[in-house]
């Protein structure tokens, strides 16, 4: 019977028919098993033990609470890391990329899983429909695995790119924000009022930095400790300039020195640093243009200078004419 099935698969899909059938069967088994894993309910005894342990150790509530507000809430145990440190690190990375929702981690892992399966299926369809019987086993595996890996790492690449763009925007707008804050403080406003005013003024040019200042202002209004609020802003931004600024403000508040004087000195340093970054990019530009100049200038020049001579040589070698 097995030989009959094997021969039938070979006649239907070519020499790689049995391998393709095994792959399709594996994908089918995964799709059948997923609903069981995703809809797995938490044991009431385990939930009670976790609540009792948190109450006794004073760790507070659990890592996540399901309120039914998100469609992915019931899949949280599958889509979120179970380790608290890993979960906190993923949340911080998404915050630095600008995704502040509570379900950001679940959405990220869901997209990784969904895109991985989607691209894996597309690779399999490509191998079945367009690959033909000439594809070797190695080409078949590469055509299936590479799209799946690309789909899995695509959300991670997107998050990292958004994170770098946001940090660049914060770094570029921070000197201007410090100058505005210095003007507000010297005009008699408190630090809280200056932060609110700066957030409103720079939103058109630097929305990411304006969002961070707005979060700081709202947390201060809610009564949160100022030092904790500033440290949280430093972690969310992930920019060394902001971390240094937070350190300056904390030291100024601890030693009782003038905030305006600290802002004046630090704002001057930030302006000088921005000029140095611009000069660095300007000095690197000729080196980057060298490769482009060689690629797009030298070959046409060689064709113009040497082309006629090569043509004459070719004509002479072929009997004086075409």
C-alpha atoms as a PDB file:
ATOM      1  CA  UNK A   1       0.000   0.000   0.000  1.00  0.00           C
ATOM      2  CA  UNK A   2       2.815   2.419   0.894  1.00  0.00           C
ATOM      3  CA  UNK A   3       4.551   1.690  -2.387  1.00  0.00           C
ATOM      4  CA  UNK A   4       1.304   2.387  -4.247  1.00  0.00           C
ATOM      5  CA  UNK A   5       0.851   5.741  -2.449  1.00  0.00           C
ATOM      6  CA  UNK A   6       4.493   6.627  -3.049  1.00  0.00           C
ATOM      7  CA  UNK A   7       4.224   5.855  -6.757  1.00  0.00           C
ATOM      8  CA  UNK A   8       0.988   7.836  -6.998  1.00  0.00           C
ATOM      9  CA  UNK A   9       2.626  10.885  -5.404  1.00  0.00           C
ATOM     10  CA  UNK A  10       5.595  10.608  -7.762  1.00  0.00           C
ATOM     11  CA  UNK A  11       3.308  10.406 -10.783  1.00  0.00           C
ATOM     12  CA  UNK A  12       1.260  13.353  -9.508  1.00  0.00           C
ATOM     13  CA  UNK A  13       3.953  15.800  -8.336  1.00  0.00           C
ATOM     14  CA  UNK A  14       7.214  14.446  -9.705  1.00  0.00           C
ATOM     15  CA  UNK A  15      10.197  12.866  -7.935  1.00  0.00           C
ATOM     16  CA  UNK A  16       9.796  15.153  -4.912  1.00  0.00           C
ATOM     17  CA  UNK A  17       6.119  14.235  -4.491  1.00  0.00           C
ATOM     18  CA  UNK A  18       6.554  12.246  -1.230  1.00  0.00           C
ATOM     19  CA  UNK A  19       8.636  15.030   0.336  1.00  0.00           C
ATOM     20  CA  UNK A  20       6.078  17.677  -0.644  1.00  0.00           C
ATOM     21  CA  UNK A  21       3.259  15.529   0.738  1.00  0.00           C
ATOM     22  CA  UNK A  22       5.083  15.135   4.066  1.00  0.00           C
ATOM     23  CA  UNK A  23       5.592  18.912   4.243  1.00  0.00           C
ATOM     24  CA  UNK A  24       1.930  19.608   3.554  1.00  0.00           C
ATOM     25  CA  UNK A  25       0.923  17.035   6.155  1.00  0.00           C
ATOM     26  CA  UNK A  26       3.189  18.718   8.710  1.00  0.00           C
ATOM     27  CA  UNK A  27       1.669  22.142   8.019  1.00  0.00           C
ATOM     28  CA  UNK A  28      -1.820  20.635   8.277  1.00  0.00           C
ATOM     29  CA  UNK A  29      -0.991  19.080  11.647  1.00  0.00           C
ATOM     30  CA  UNK A  30       0.345  22.427  12.912  1.00  0.00           C
ATOM     31  CA  UNK A  31      -2.831  24.216  11.804  1.00  0.00           C
ATOM     32  CA  UNK A  32      -4.966  21.558  13.505  1.00  0.00           C
ATOM     33  CA  UNK A  33      -2.975  21.753  16.750  1.00  0.00           C
ATOM     34  CA  UNK A  34      -2.867  25.564  16.991  1.00  0.00           C
ATOM     35  CA  UNK A  35      -6.524  26.087  17.979  1.00  0.00           C
ATOM     36  CA  UNK A  36      -6.072  23.629  20.842  1.00  0.00           C
ATOM     37  CA  UNK A  37      -2.985  25.467  22.118  1.00  0.00           C
ATOM     38  CA  UNK A  38      -4.466  28.937  21.679  1.00  0.00           C
ATOM     39  CA  UNK A  39      -7.744  28.128  23.423  1.00  0.00           C
ATOM     40  CA  UNK A  40      -6.104  26.360  26.337  1.00  0.00           C
ATOM     41  CA  UNK A  41      -7.712  27.525  29.561  1.00  0.00           C
ATOM     42  CA  UNK A  42      -5.784  28.307  32.708  1.00  0.00           C
ATOM     43  CA  UNK A  43      -6.242  25.802  35.490  1.00  0.00           C
ATOM     44  CA  UNK A  44      -8.196  27.521  38.339  1.00  0.00           C
ATOM     45  CA  UNK A  45      -5.855  25.969  40.907  1.00  0.00           C
ATOM     46  CA  UNK A  46      -2.790  27.369  39.121  1.00  0.00           C
ATOM     47  CA  UNK A  47      -4.449  30.810  38.970  1.00  0.00           C
ATOM     48  CA  UNK A  48      -5.263  30.664  42.693  1.00  0.00           C
ATOM     49  CA  UNK A  49      -1.703  29.594  43.537  1.00  0.00           C
ATOM     50  CA  UNK A  50      -0.272  32.469  41.479  1.00  0.00           C
ATOM     51  CA  UNK A  51      -2.514  35.009  43.218  1.00  0.00           C
ATOM     52  CA  UNK A  52      -1.591  33.612  46.644  1.00  0.00           C
ATOM     53  CA  UNK A  53       2.109  33.667  45.807  1.00  0.00           C
ATOM     54  CA  UNK A  54       1.936  37.292  44.613  1.00  0.00           C
ATOM     55  CA  UNK A  55       0.062  38.289  47.762  1.00  0.00           C
ATOM     56  CA  UNK A  56       2.578  36.590  50.061  1.00  0.00           C
ATOM     57  CA  UNK A  57       5.675  37.881  48.283  1.00  0.00           C
ATOM     58  CA  UNK A  58       4.280  41.387  47.738  1.00  0.00           C
ATOM     59  CA  UNK A  59       5.011  41.280  44.034  1.00  0.00           C
ATOM     60  CA  UNK A  60       1.682  42.882  43.164  1.00  0.00           C
ATOM     61  CA  UNK A  61      -0.608  41.709  40.383  1.00  0.00           C
ATOM     62  CA  UNK A  62       0.284  39.207  37.728  1.00  0.00           C
ATOM     63  CA  UNK A  63       2.185  40.145  34.581  1.00  0.00           C
ATOM     64  CA  UNK A  64      -1.007  40.538  32.602  1.00  0.00           C
ATOM     65  CA  UNK A  65      -4.703  40.884  33.281  1.00  0.00           C
ATOM     66  CA  UNK A  66      -7.270  39.971  30.692  1.00  0.00           C
ATOM     67  CA  UNK A  67     -10.189  42.383  30.526  1.00  0.00           C
ATOM     68  CA  UNK A  68     -11.601  41.214  27.215  1.00  0.00           C
ATOM     69  CA  UNK A  69     -10.775  44.540  25.538  1.00  0.00           C
ATOM     70  CA  UNK A  70      -8.333  43.013  23.079  1.00  0.00           C
ATOM     71  CA  UNK A  71      -9.027  40.151  20.693  1.00  0.00           C
ATOM     72  CA  UNK A  72      -5.598  38.690  21.483  1.00  0.00           C
ATOM     73  CA  UNK A  73      -6.128  38.717  25.266  1.00  0.00           C
ATOM     74  CA  UNK A  74      -7.151  35.077  25.418  1.00  0.00           C
ATOM     75  CA  UNK A  75      -3.970  34.124  23.540  1.00  0.00           C
ATOM     76  CA  UNK A  76      -1.695  36.072  25.912  1.00  0.00           C
ATOM     77  CA  UNK A  77      -0.093  32.968  27.405  1.00  0.00           C
ATOM     78  CA  UNK A  78       0.909  31.857  23.916  1.00  0.00           C
ATOM     79  CA  UNK A  79       1.867  35.207  22.384  1.00  0.00           C
ATOM     80  CA  UNK A  80       3.717  36.837  25.314  1.00  0.00           C
ATOM     81  CA  UNK A  81       6.963  35.773  27.007  1.00  0.00           C
ATOM     82  CA  UNK A  82       6.386  34.050  30.323  1.00  0.00           C
ATOM     83  CA  UNK A  83       9.568  35.479  31.827  1.00  0.00           C
ATOM     84  CA  UNK A  84       8.984  38.873  33.487  1.00  0.00           C
ATOM     85  CA  UNK A  85      12.416  40.220  32.519  1.00  0.00           C
ATOM     86  CA  UNK A  86      12.029  39.220  28.877  1.00  0.00           C
ATOM     87  CA  UNK A  87       8.534  40.713  28.782  1.00  0.00           C
ATOM     88  CA  UNK A  88       9.767  44.002  30.282  1.00  0.00           C
ATOM     89  CA  UNK A  89      12.619  44.169  27.757  1.00  0.00           C
ATOM     90  CA  UNK A  90      10.238  43.635  24.830  1.00  0.00           C
ATOM     91  CA  UNK A  91       7.846  46.286  26.172  1.00  0.00           C
ATOM     92  CA  UNK A  92      10.722  48.769  26.513  1.00  0.00           C
ATOM     93  CA  UNK A  93      11.877  48.133  22.937  1.00  0.00           C
ATOM     94  CA  UNK A  94       8.346  48.691  21.619  1.00  0.00           C
ATOM     95  CA  UNK A  95       8.012  51.868  23.725  1.00  0.00           C
ATOM     96  CA  UNK A  96      11.237  53.181  22.215  1.00  0.00           C
ATOM     97  CA  UNK A  97       9.757  52.449  18.770  1.00  0.00           C
ATOM     98  CA  UNK A  98       6.634  54.474  19.628  1.00  0.00           C
ATOM     99  CA  UNK A  99       4.139  51.653  20.329  1.00  0.00           C
ATOM    100  CA  UNK A 100       2.665  52.377  23.759  1.00  0.00           C
ATOM    101  CA  UNK A 101      -0.465  50.191  23.823  1.00  0.00           C
ATOM    102  CA  UNK A 102      -0.785  47.416  26.388  1.00  0.00           C
ATOM    103  CA  UNK A 103      -1.265  44.832  23.654  1.00  0.00           C
ATOM    104  CA  UNK A 104       1.855  45.838  21.708  1.00  0.00           C
ATOM    105  CA  UNK A 105       3.843  42.755  22.736  1.00  0.00           C
ATOM    106  CA  UNK A 106       0.995  40.406  21.840  1.00  0.00           C
ATOM    107  CA  UNK A 107       0.483  42.115  18.477  1.00  0.00           C
ATOM    108  CA  UNK A 108       4.203  41.949  17.701  1.00  0.00           C
ATOM    109  CA  UNK A 109       4.486  38.209  18.373  1.00  0.00           C
ATOM    110  CA  UNK A 110       1.211  37.547  16.544  1.00  0.00           C
ATOM    111  CA  UNK A 111       2.529  39.353  13.463  1.00  0.00           C
ATOM    112  CA  UNK A 112       5.752  37.374  13.644  1.00  0.00           C
ATOM    113  CA  UNK A 113       3.824  34.103  13.811  1.00  0.00           C
ATOM    114  CA  UNK A 114       1.258  35.048  11.146  1.00  0.00           C
ATOM    115  CA  UNK A 115       3.756  36.479   8.645  1.00  0.00           C
ATOM    116  CA  UNK A 116       6.066  33.509   9.153  1.00  0.00           C
ATOM    117  CA  UNK A 117       3.270  31.071   8.300  1.00  0.00           C
ATOM    118  CA  UNK A 118       2.037  33.232   5.405  1.00  0.00           C
ATOM    119  CA  UNK A 119       5.433  33.543   3.735  1.00  0.00           C
ATOM    120  CA  UNK A 120       6.107  29.859   4.389  1.00  0.00           C
ATOM    121  CA  UNK A 121       2.879  28.989   2.597  1.00  0.00           C
ATOM    122  CA  UNK A 122       3.741  31.324  -0.289  1.00  0.00           C
ATOM    123  CA  UNK A 123       7.141  29.678  -0.606  1.00  0.00           C
ATOM    124  CA  UNK A 124       5.519  26.267  -0.664  1.00  0.00           C
ATOM    125  CA  UNK A 125       3.050  27.365  -3.353  1.00  0.00           C
ATOM    126  CA  UNK A 126       5.903  28.808  -5.398  1.00  0.00           C
ATOM    127  CA  UNK A 127       7.792  25.517  -5.159  1.00  0.00           C
ATOM    128  CA  UNK A 128       4.715  23.514  -6.149  1.00  0.00           C
ATOM    129  CA  UNK A 129       3.414  25.696  -8.984  1.00  0.00           C
ATOM    130  CA  UNK A 130       6.436  27.427 -10.511  1.00  0.00           C
ATOM    131  CA  UNK A 131       9.262  25.212  -9.359  1.00  0.00           C
ATOM    132  CA  UNK A 132       8.547  22.275 -11.613  1.00  0.00           C
ATOM    133  CA  UNK A 133      10.284  18.932 -11.576  1.00  0.00           C
ATOM    134  CA  UNK A 134      13.747  20.420 -12.150  1.00  0.00           C
ATOM    135  CA  UNK A 135      14.140  21.755  -8.607  1.00  0.00           C
ATOM    136  CA  UNK A 136      16.577  19.891  -6.420  1.00  0.00           C
ATOM    137  CA  UNK A 137      15.899  19.114  -2.773  1.00  0.00           C
ATOM    138  CA  UNK A 138      18.183  21.957  -1.683  1.00  0.00           C
ATOM    139  CA  UNK A 139      16.435  24.491  -3.927  1.00  0.00           C
ATOM    140  CA  UNK A 140      13.067  23.282  -2.670  1.00  0.00           C
ATOM    141  CA  UNK A 141      14.054  23.691   0.973  1.00  0.00           C
ATOM    142  CA  UNK A 142      15.539  27.133   0.330  1.00  0.00           C
ATOM    143  CA  UNK A 143      12.429  28.243  -1.576  1.00  0.00           C
ATOM    144  CA  UNK A 144      10.252  27.309   1.404  1.00  0.00           C
ATOM    145  CA  UNK A 145      12.443  28.144   4.419  1.00  0.00           C
ATOM    146  CA  UNK A 146      13.876  31.512   3.288  1.00  0.00           C
ATOM    147  CA  UNK A 147      10.452  33.204   2.785  1.00  0.00           C
ATOM    148  CA  UNK A 148       9.278  31.814   6.123  1.00  0.00           C
ATOM    149  CA  UNK A 149      12.338  33.202   7.912  1.00  0.00           C
ATOM    150  CA  UNK A 150      11.952  36.540   6.133  1.00  0.00           C
ATOM    151  CA  UNK A 151       8.307  36.786   7.210  1.00  0.00           C
ATOM    152  CA  UNK A 152       9.221  35.938  10.806  1.00  0.00           C
ATOM    153  CA  UNK A 153      11.964  38.578  11.046  1.00  0.00           C
ATOM    154  CA  UNK A 154      10.089  41.278   9.126  1.00  0.00           C
ATOM    155  CA  UNK A 155       8.280  42.696  12.234  1.00  0.00           C
ATOM    156  CA  UNK A 156      11.570  42.732  14.149  1.00  0.00           C
ATOM    157  CA  UNK A 157      13.257  44.667  11.338  1.00  0.00           C
ATOM    158  CA  UNK A 158      10.344  47.121  11.225  1.00  0.00           C
ATOM    159  CA  UNK A 159      10.475  47.722  14.995  1.00  0.00           C
ATOM    160  CA  UNK A 160      14.223  48.263  14.939  1.00  0.00           C
ATOM    161  CA  UNK A 161      13.925  50.704  12.036  1.00  0.00           C
ATOM    162  CA  UNK A 162      11.135  52.673  13.740  1.00  0.00           C
ATOM    163  CA  UNK A 163      13.167  52.730  16.936  1.00  0.00           C
ATOM    164  CA  UNK A 164      16.228  54.163  15.199  1.00  0.00           C
ATOM    165  CA  UNK A 165      14.179  56.773  13.316  1.00  0.00           C
ATOM    166  CA  UNK A 166      12.455  57.865  16.519  1.00  0.00           C
ATOM    167  CA  UNK A 167      15.731  58.136  18.422  1.00  0.00           C
ATOM    168  CA  UNK A 168      17.245  60.152  15.575  1.00  0.00           C
ATOM    169  CA  UNK A 169      14.283  62.525  15.653  1.00  0.00           C
ATOM    170  CA  UNK A 170      14.567  62.973  19.418  1.00  0.00           C
ATOM    171  CA  UNK A 171      18.307  63.546  19.149  1.00  0.00           C
ATOM    172  CA  UNK A 172      17.843  66.167  16.427  1.00  0.00           C
ATOM    173  CA  UNK A 173      15.118  68.124  18.204  1.00  0.00           C
ATOM    174  CA  UNK A 174      16.519  67.996  21.728  1.00  0.00           C
ATOM    175  CA  UNK A 175      18.792  71.080  21.477  1.00  0.00           C
ATOM    176  CA  UNK A 176      15.880  73.230  20.254  1.00  0.00           C
ATOM    177  CA  UNK A 177      13.674  71.871  23.033  1.00  0.00           C
ATOM    178  CA  UNK A 178      16.299  72.769  25.632  1.00  0.00           C
ATOM    179  CA  UNK A 179      16.564  76.324  24.274  1.00  0.00           C
ATOM    180  CA  UNK A 180      12.781  76.731  24.504  1.00  0.00           C
ATOM    181  CA  UNK A 181      12.756  75.269  27.997  1.00  0.00           C
ATOM    182  CA  UNK A 182      15.513  77.653  29.073  1.00  0.00           C
ATOM    183  CA  UNK A 183      13.536  80.633  27.765  1.00  0.00           C
ATOM    184  CA  UNK A 184      10.420  79.475  29.628  1.00  0.00           C
ATOM    185  CA  UNK A 185      12.258  78.906  32.913  1.00  0.00           C
ATOM    186  CA  UNK A 186      14.048  82.258  32.713  1.00  0.00           C
ATOM    187  CA  UNK A 187      10.690  83.923  32.009  1.00  0.00           C
ATOM    188  CA  UNK A 188       9.463  82.747  35.418  1.00  0.00           C
ATOM    189  CA  UNK A 189       7.646  79.510  34.613  1.00  0.00           C
ATOM    190  CA  UNK A 190       8.142  76.380  36.661  1.00  0.00           C
ATOM    191  CA  UNK A 191       9.735  73.276  35.170  1.00  0.00           C
ATOM    192  CA  UNK A 192       6.338  71.558  34.837  1.00  0.00           C
ATOM    193  CA  UNK A 193       4.842  74.505  32.956  1.00  0.00           C
ATOM    194  CA  UNK A 194       7.952  74.798  30.781  1.00  0.00           C
ATOM    195  CA  UNK A 195       7.696  71.129  29.788  1.00  0.00           C
ATOM    196  CA  UNK A 196       4.026  71.560  28.793  1.00  0.00           C
ATOM    197  CA  UNK A 197       4.824  74.665  26.745  1.00  0.00           C
ATOM    198  CA  UNK A 198       7.777  72.995  25.002  1.00  0.00           C
ATOM    199  CA  UNK A 199       5.652  69.933  24.154  1.00  0.00           C
ATOM    200  CA  UNK A 200       3.078  72.176  22.453  1.00  0.00           C
ATOM    201  CA  UNK A 201       5.637  74.266  20.568  1.00  0.00           C
ATOM    202  CA  UNK A 202       7.808  71.506  19.083  1.00  0.00           C
ATOM    203  CA  UNK A 203       5.020  69.096  18.086  1.00  0.00           C
ATOM    204  CA  UNK A 204       4.974  70.279  14.469  1.00  0.00           C
ATOM    205  CA  UNK A 205       8.675  69.585  13.923  1.00  0.00           C
ATOM    206  CA  UNK A 206       9.475  66.777  16.386  1.00  0.00           C
ATOM    207  CA  UNK A 207       6.315  64.848  17.325  1.00  0.00           C
ATOM    208  CA  UNK A 208       8.207  61.990  19.022  1.00  0.00           C
ATOM    209  CA  UNK A 209       9.970  64.348  21.439  1.00  0.00           C
ATOM    210  CA  UNK A 210       6.723  66.245  22.013  1.00  0.00           C
ATOM    211  CA  UNK A 211       5.005  62.981  22.977  1.00  0.00           C
ATOM    212  CA  UNK A 212       7.717  62.215  25.523  1.00  0.00           C
ATOM    213  CA  UNK A 213       7.439  65.668  27.121  1.00  0.00           C
ATOM    214  CA  UNK A 214       3.654  65.367  27.163  1.00  0.00           C
ATOM    215  CA  UNK A 215       3.857  62.014  28.963  1.00  0.00           C
ATOM    216  CA  UNK A 216       6.222  63.585  31.513  1.00  0.00           C
ATOM    217  CA  UNK A 217       3.831  66.503  32.078  1.00  0.00           C
ATOM    218  CA  UNK A 218       0.812  64.225  32.521  1.00  0.00           C
ATOM    219  CA  UNK A 219       2.622  61.946  34.964  1.00  0.00           C
ATOM    220  CA  UNK A 220       3.763  64.937  37.018  1.00  0.00           C
ATOM    221  CA  UNK A 221       0.178  66.249  37.110  1.00  0.00           C
ATOM    222  CA  UNK A 222      -0.972  62.840  38.317  1.00  0.00           C
ATOM    223  CA  UNK A 223       1.342  63.136  41.319  1.00  0.00           C
ATOM    224  CA  UNK A 224       4.094  60.746  40.325  1.00  0.00           C
ATOM    225  CA  UNK A 225       7.548  61.377  41.742  1.00  0.00           C
ATOM    226  CA  UNK A 226       9.504  63.774  39.524  1.00  0.00           C
ATOM    227  CA  UNK A 227      12.734  61.766  39.666  1.00  0.00           C
ATOM    228  CA  UNK A 228      10.924  58.574  38.657  1.00  0.00           C
ATOM    229  CA  UNK A 229       9.135  60.372  35.822  1.00  0.00           C
ATOM    230  CA  UNK A 230      12.384  61.737  34.419  1.00  0.00           C
ATOM    231  CA  UNK A 231      14.120  58.353  34.656  1.00  0.00           C
ATOM    232  CA  UNK A 232      11.192  56.724  32.854  1.00  0.00           C
ATOM    233  CA  UNK A 233      11.493  59.310  30.087  1.00  0.00           C
ATOM    234  CA  UNK A 234      15.195  58.510  29.761  1.00  0.00           C
ATOM    235  CA  UNK A 235      14.429  54.793  29.364  1.00  0.00           C
ATOM    236  CA  UNK A 236      11.636  55.378  26.845  1.00  0.00           C
ATOM    237  CA  UNK A 237      13.765  57.671  24.682  1.00  0.00           C
ATOM    238  CA  UNK A 238      16.884  55.500  24.683  1.00  0.00           C
ATOM    239  CA  UNK A 239      19.041  58.502  23.701  1.00  0.00           C
ATOM    240  CA  UNK A 240      22.255  59.350  25.623  1.00  0.00           C
ATOM    241  CA  UNK A 241      21.555  63.104  25.413  1.00  0.00           C
ATOM    242  CA  UNK A 242      18.216  62.672  27.188  1.00  0.00           C
ATOM    243  CA  UNK A 243      19.828  60.466  29.845  1.00  0.00           C
ATOM    244  CA  UNK A 244      22.451  63.132  30.513  1.00  0.00           C
ATOM    245  CA  UNK A 245      19.741  65.808  30.667  1.00  0.00           C
ATOM    246  CA  UNK A 246      17.784  63.781  33.227  1.00  0.00           C
ATOM    247  CA  UNK A 247      20.938  63.323  35.298  1.00  0.00           C
ATOM    248  CA  UNK A 248      21.571  67.094  35.233  1.00  0.00           C
ATOM    249  CA  UNK A 249      18.032  67.867  36.422  1.00  0.00           C
ATOM    250  CA  UNK A 250      18.165  65.268  39.196  1.00  0.00           C
ATOM    251  CA  UNK A 251      21.518  66.562  40.446  1.00  0.00           C
ATOM    252  CA  UNK A 252      20.275  70.146  40.256  1.00  0.00           C
ATOM    253  CA  UNK A 253      17.222  69.260  42.347  1.00  0.00           C
ATOM    254  CA  UNK A 254      19.317  67.226  44.826  1.00  0.00           C
ATOM    255  CA  UNK A 255      21.944  69.929  45.459  1.00  0.00           C
ATOM    256  CA  UNK A 256      19.527  72.851  45.285  1.00  0.00           C
ATOM    257  CA  UNK A 257      21.270  74.646  42.423  1.00  0.00           C
ATOM    258  CA  UNK A 258      19.513  76.811  39.854  1.00  0.00           C
ATOM    259  CA  UNK A 259      17.696  74.837  37.174  1.00  0.00           C
ATOM    260  CA  UNK A 260      17.990  77.779  34.757  1.00  0.00           C
ATOM    261  CA  UNK A 261      21.776  77.822  35.096  1.00  0.00           C
ATOM    262  CA  UNK A 262      21.991  74.045  34.576  1.00  0.00           C
ATOM    263  CA  UNK A 263      19.754  74.308  31.502  1.00  0.00           C
ATOM    264  CA  UNK A 264      21.846  77.166  30.098  1.00  0.00           C
ATOM    265  CA  UNK A 265      25.096  75.208  30.355  1.00  0.00           C
ATOM    266  CA  UNK A 266      23.627  71.969  29.053  1.00  0.00           C
ATOM    267  CA  UNK A 267      21.760  73.671  26.186  1.00  0.00           C
ATOM    268  CA  UNK A 268      25.014  75.275  25.068  1.00  0.00           C
ATOM    269  CA  UNK A 269      26.715  71.870  25.115  1.00  0.00           C
ATOM    270  CA  UNK A 270      23.873  70.351  23.073  1.00  0.00           C
ATOM    271  CA  UNK A 271      24.159  73.092  20.431  1.00  0.00           C
ATOM    272  CA  UNK A 272      27.899  72.501  20.141  1.00  0.00           C
ATOM    273  CA  UNK A 273      27.303  68.771  19.924  1.00  0.00           C
ATOM    274  CA  UNK A 274      24.770  69.228  17.120  1.00  0.00           C
ATOM    275  CA  UNK A 275      27.258  71.355  15.171  1.00  0.00           C
ATOM    276  CA  UNK A 276      29.913  68.672  15.667  1.00  0.00           C
ATOM    277  CA  UNK A 277      27.530  65.992  14.354  1.00  0.00           C
ATOM    278  CA  UNK A 278      26.780  68.117  11.281  1.00  0.00           C
ATOM    279  CA  UNK A 279      30.507  68.654  10.658  1.00  0.00           C
ATOM    280  CA  UNK A 280      31.129  64.924  11.044  1.00  0.00           C
ATOM    281  CA  UNK A 281      28.497  64.102   8.419  1.00  0.00           C
ATOM    282  CA  UNK A 282      29.914  66.764   6.101  1.00  0.00           C
ATOM    283  CA  UNK A 283      33.438  65.324   6.428  1.00  0.00           C
ATOM    284  CA  UNK A 284      32.209  61.788   5.713  1.00  0.00           C
ATOM    285  CA  UNK A 285      30.269  62.873   2.607  1.00  0.00           C
ATOM    286  CA  UNK A 286      33.259  63.038   0.167  1.00  0.00           C
ATOM    287  CA  UNK A 287      34.248  59.494   1.111  1.00  0.00           C
ATOM    288  CA  UNK A 288      30.740  58.226   0.432  1.00  0.00           C
ATOM    289  CA  UNK A 289      30.593  60.048  -2.896  1.00  0.00           C
ATOM    290  CA  UNK A 290      33.853  58.484  -4.077  1.00  0.00           C
ATOM    291  CA  UNK A 291      32.293  55.097  -4.789  1.00  0.00           C
ATOM    292  CA  UNK A 292      29.364  56.619  -6.671  1.00  0.00           C
ATOM    293  CA  UNK A 293      31.689  58.812  -8.674  1.00  0.00           C
ATOM    294  CA  UNK A 294      33.833  55.834  -9.672  1.00  0.00           C
ATOM    295  CA  UNK A 295      30.811  53.721 -10.643  1.00  0.00           C
ATOM    296  CA  UNK A 296      28.923  56.316 -12.693  1.00  0.00           C
ATOM    297  CA  UNK A 297      31.751  58.449 -14.079  1.00  0.00           C
ATOM    298  CA  UNK A 298      34.748  56.239 -14.844  1.00  0.00           C
ATOM    299  CA  UNK A 299      32.998  53.561 -17.019  1.00  0.00           C
ATOM    300  CA  UNK A 300      31.322  56.121 -19.374  1.00  0.00           C
ATOM    301  CA  UNK A 301      34.600  58.035 -19.606  1.00  0.00           C
ATOM    302  CA  UNK A 302      36.486  54.866 -20.558  1.00  0.00           C
ATOM    303  CA  UNK A 303      33.861  54.030 -23.181  1.00  0.00           C
ATOM    304  CA  UNK A 304      34.131  57.511 -24.710  1.00  0.00           C
ATOM    305  CA  UNK A 305      37.956  57.551 -24.737  1.00  0.00           C
ATOM    306  CA  UNK A 306      38.795  53.942 -25.580  1.00  0.00           C
ATOM    307  CA  UNK A 307      35.660  52.884 -27.498  1.00  0.00           C
ATOM    308  CA  UNK A 308      36.635  54.387 -30.922  1.00  0.00           C
ATOM    309  CA  UNK A 309      40.110  52.892 -30.763  1.00  0.00           C
ATOM    310  CA  UNK A 310      38.749  49.440 -29.947  1.00  0.00           C
ATOM    311  CA  UNK A 311      36.295  49.733 -32.827  1.00  0.00           C
ATOM    312  CA  UNK A 312      39.063  50.690 -35.270  1.00  0.00           C
ATOM    313  CA  UNK A 313      41.183  47.757 -34.122  1.00  0.00           C
ATOM    314  CA  UNK A 314      38.247  45.409 -34.560  1.00  0.00           C
ATOM    315  CA  UNK A 315      37.551  46.706 -38.070  1.00  0.00           C
ATOM    316  CA  UNK A 316      41.172  46.354 -39.137  1.00  0.00           C
ATOM    317  CA  UNK A 317      41.396  42.801 -37.811  1.00  0.00           C
ATOM    318  CA  UNK A 318      38.280  41.814 -39.737  1.00  0.00           C
ATOM    319  CA  UNK A 319      39.511  42.872 -43.165  1.00  0.00           C
ATOM    320  CA  UNK A 320      38.975  46.613 -43.166  1.00  0.00           C
ATOM    321  CA  UNK A 321      35.200  46.709 -42.961  1.00  0.00           C
ATOM    322  CA  UNK A 322      32.011  45.007 -41.946  1.00  0.00           C
END
